[in-house]
Amino acid sequence: METETGGEGYDLLLAGIPAPVAGGALVGLYSSIPFLLSFAVGGVVALGLVGMAMFLFPP
């Protein structure tokens, strides 16, 4: 009988994907860094999390 391991961790990973985008948007709004640059960096980090969820830690 196999037990499921890492289910909660996977849920946290999926829930954390929007966090870098939101963080990048907030940094762009409240700092001297250009908004589009910080938003794009947040998107690249979120893309890395999507890649982790798909290829390194599949459900």
Protein backbone atom coordinates (compact mmCIF):
# COMPACT_ATOMS: atom_id res chain seq x y z
CA MET A 1 0.00 0.00 0.00
CA GLU A 2 1.48 3.32 -1.08
CA THR A 3 0.92 6.51 0.83
CA GLU A 4 0.76 9.91 -0.77
CA THR A 5 3.66 12.11 0.25
CA GLY A 6 4.17 15.75 -0.53
CA GLY A 7 0.56 16.54 -1.39
CA GLU A 8 0.47 19.53 0.91
CA GLY A 9 3.84 20.71 -0.36
CA TYR A 10 2.60 20.55 -3.93
CA ASP A 11 -0.47 22.59 -2.99
CA LEU A 12 1.76 25.20 -1.39
CA LEU A 13 3.91 25.29 -4.51
CA LEU A 14 0.87 25.89 -6.71
CA ALA A 15 -0.52 28.50 -4.34
CA GLY A 16 2.84 30.28 -4.32
CA ILE A 17 3.03 30.80 -8.07
CA PRO A 18 1.19 34.19 -8.06
CA ALA A 19 3.29 35.52 -5.16
CA PRO A 20 6.37 36.54 -7.22
CA VAL A 21 4.18 38.34 -9.75
CA ALA A 22 2.37 40.23 -7.02
CA GLY A 23 5.66 40.97 -5.29
CA GLY A 24 7.16 42.28 -8.51
CA ALA A 25 4.15 44.50 -9.08
CA LEU A 26 4.39 45.93 -5.56
CA VAL A 27 8.11 46.55 -5.91
CA GLY A 28 7.49 48.33 -9.20
CA LEU A 29 4.78 50.50 -7.71
CA TYR A 30 6.59 51.54 -4.55
CA SER A 31 10.23 51.80 -5.62
CA SER A 32 12.31 53.54 -8.25
CA ILE A 33 12.65 50.31 -10.25
CA PRO A 34 10.57 50.47 -13.46
CA PHE A 35 7.22 48.74 -13.08
CA LEU A 36 7.49 46.61 -16.23
CA LEU A 37 10.97 45.40 -15.29
CA SER A 38 9.98 44.30 -11.80
CA PHE A 39 6.73 42.77 -13.07
CA ALA A 40 8.66 40.82 -15.72
CA VAL A 41 11.20 39.57 -13.17
CA GLY A 42 8.33 38.37 -10.98
CA GLY A 43 6.87 36.59 -14.00
CA VAL A 44 10.15 34.83 -14.72
CA VAL A 45 10.35 33.63 -11.12
CA ALA A 46 6.74 32.41 -11.34
CA LEU A 47 7.60 30.63 -14.57
CA GLY A 48 10.38 28.83 -12.73
CA LEU A 49 7.88 27.70 -10.12
CA VAL A 50 5.57 26.42 -12.85
CA GLY A 51 8.48 24.46 -14.33
CA MET A 52 9.25 23.01 -10.91
CA ALA A 53 5.62 22.00 -10.45
CA MET A 54 5.49 20.36 -13.87
CA PHE A 55 8.85 18.61 -14.18
CA LEU A 56 10.61 18.32 -10.82
CA PHE A 57 7.68 17.67 -8.47
CA PRO A 58 4.78 16.33 -10.58
CA PRO A 59 1.58 15.40 -8.75
